[in-house]
Protein backbone atom coordinates (compact mmCIF):
# COMPACT_ATOMS: atom_id res chain seq x y z
CA MET A 1 -0.18 0.11 0.12
CA PRO A 2 2.07 3.16 -1.26
CA GLU A 3 2.15 6.08 1.35
CA ILE A 4 1.04 8.94 -0.79
CA SER A 5 1.13 11.66 1.56
CA ARG A 6 1.39 12.34 5.75
CA PHE A 7 0.21 15.50 7.46
CA LEU A 8 -1.02 16.49 10.79
CA GLY A 9 -1.15 12.67 11.77
CA ILE A 10 -2.91 11.31 8.69
CA ILE A 11 -1.80 8.97 6.17
CA ILE A 12 -3.27 9.23 2.70
CA PHE A 13 -2.70 5.75 0.61
CA MET A 14 -3.96 3.80 -2.36
CA TYR A 15 -3.53 0.21 -3.12
CA PHE A 16 -2.17 -1.57 -6.46
CA ASN A 17 -4.26 -2.86 -8.77
CA ASP A 18 -7.57 -1.38 -6.58
CA HIS A 19 -11.30 -1.63 -7.81
CA GLU A 20 -13.24 1.24 -9.50
CA PRO A 21 -14.59 3.99 -8.69
CA PRO A 22 -10.80 6.12 -8.76
CA HIS A 23 -10.59 6.49 -5.05
CA PHE A 24 -7.83 7.01 -1.91
CA HIS A 25 -7.51 5.79 1.70
CA ALA A 26 -7.25 8.06 4.75
CA ARG A 27 -6.08 6.60 7.90
CA TYR A 28 -6.00 9.00 11.78
CA ASN A 29 -5.42 7.16 14.63
CA GLU A 30 -7.94 4.44 14.63
CA PHE A 31 -9.87 6.07 11.87
CA ARG A 32 -10.30 4.90 8.28
CA GLY A 33 -11.88 6.16 5.36
CA LYS A 34 -12.12 5.19 1.88
CA LEU A 35 -12.79 9.11 -0.36
CA THR A 36 -13.58 9.04 -4.23
CA ILE A 37 -11.50 11.66 -6.36
CA ASN A 38 -13.79 12.65 -8.28
CA GLU A 39 -16.94 13.58 -6.17
CA LEU A 40 -14.80 14.14 -2.85
CA GLN A 41 -16.80 12.13 -0.92
CA LEU A 42 -16.44 9.46 1.88
CA ILE A 43 -17.70 6.61 0.63
CA GLU A 44 -16.92 4.25 3.48
CA GLY A 45 -15.47 4.15 7.28
CA ARG A 46 -15.01 6.83 9.10
CA LEU A 47 -12.71 10.02 9.87
CA PRO A 48 -13.48 12.84 12.51
CA LYS A 49 -15.18 16.04 11.47
CA ARG A 50 -12.25 18.16 11.42
CA ILE A 51 -9.74 15.68 9.86
CA LEU A 52 -12.49 14.96 7.31
CA ALA A 53 -12.19 18.77 6.14
CA LEU A 54 -8.56 19.02 6.69
CA VAL A 55 -8.38 15.34 3.83
CA LEU A 56 -11.16 17.02 1.51
CA GLU A 57 -9.16 20.31 1.46
CA TRP A 58 -5.88 18.93 0.77
CA ALA A 59 -7.79 16.25 -1.75
CA ASN A 60 -9.33 19.31 -3.60
CA ASN A 61 -6.05 21.26 -4.02
CA HIS A 62 -4.05 18.02 -5.11
CA ARG A 63 -6.94 15.87 -7.33
CA ALA A 64 -5.50 16.25 -10.88
CA GLU A 65 -2.16 14.41 -8.96
CA LEU A 66 -4.62 11.52 -7.42
CA LEU A 67 -6.24 10.86 -10.43
CA GLU A 68 -2.72 10.54 -12.01
CA ASN A 69 -1.43 7.92 -9.09
CA TRP A 70 -4.67 6.16 -9.79
CA GLU A 71 -3.90 5.46 -13.21
CA THR A 72 -0.27 4.42 -13.28
CA LEU A 73 -0.41 2.75 -9.84
CA LYS A 74 -3.05 0.54 -12.14
CA LYS A 75 -1.11 0.30 -15.46
CA GLU A 76 2.69 0.38 -14.33
CA GLY A 77 2.80 0.26 -10.61
CA LYS A 78 4.40 3.60 -10.18
CA TYR A 79 3.36 6.27 -8.22
CA LYS A 80 4.44 9.87 -6.98
CA ARG A 81 4.51 11.37 -3.53
CA ILE A 82 1.92 14.30 -2.85
CA LYS A 83 2.97 17.53 -0.94
CA PRO A 84 1.51 17.50 2.32
CA LEU A 85 -1.19 20.30 3.34
CA VAL A 86 0.33 22.91 5.89
């Protein structure tokens, strides 16, 4: 599971050859969430409200990079780290 980014105790990652729709995973302490890239919606799991807001802000700023990682992970097994939210 490639770690794409890490900030404020939040870890963002994707799995190799994951299923559609394009999405990423966020982990914060014992909380886990799966979020779509296109709609930026939490589709599975639970994140604290404040953490979800931070993840959504970060994802909105890096949506194109997330989609690029989604495609290259599926096709080539490669990815690029994305700058954290600061």
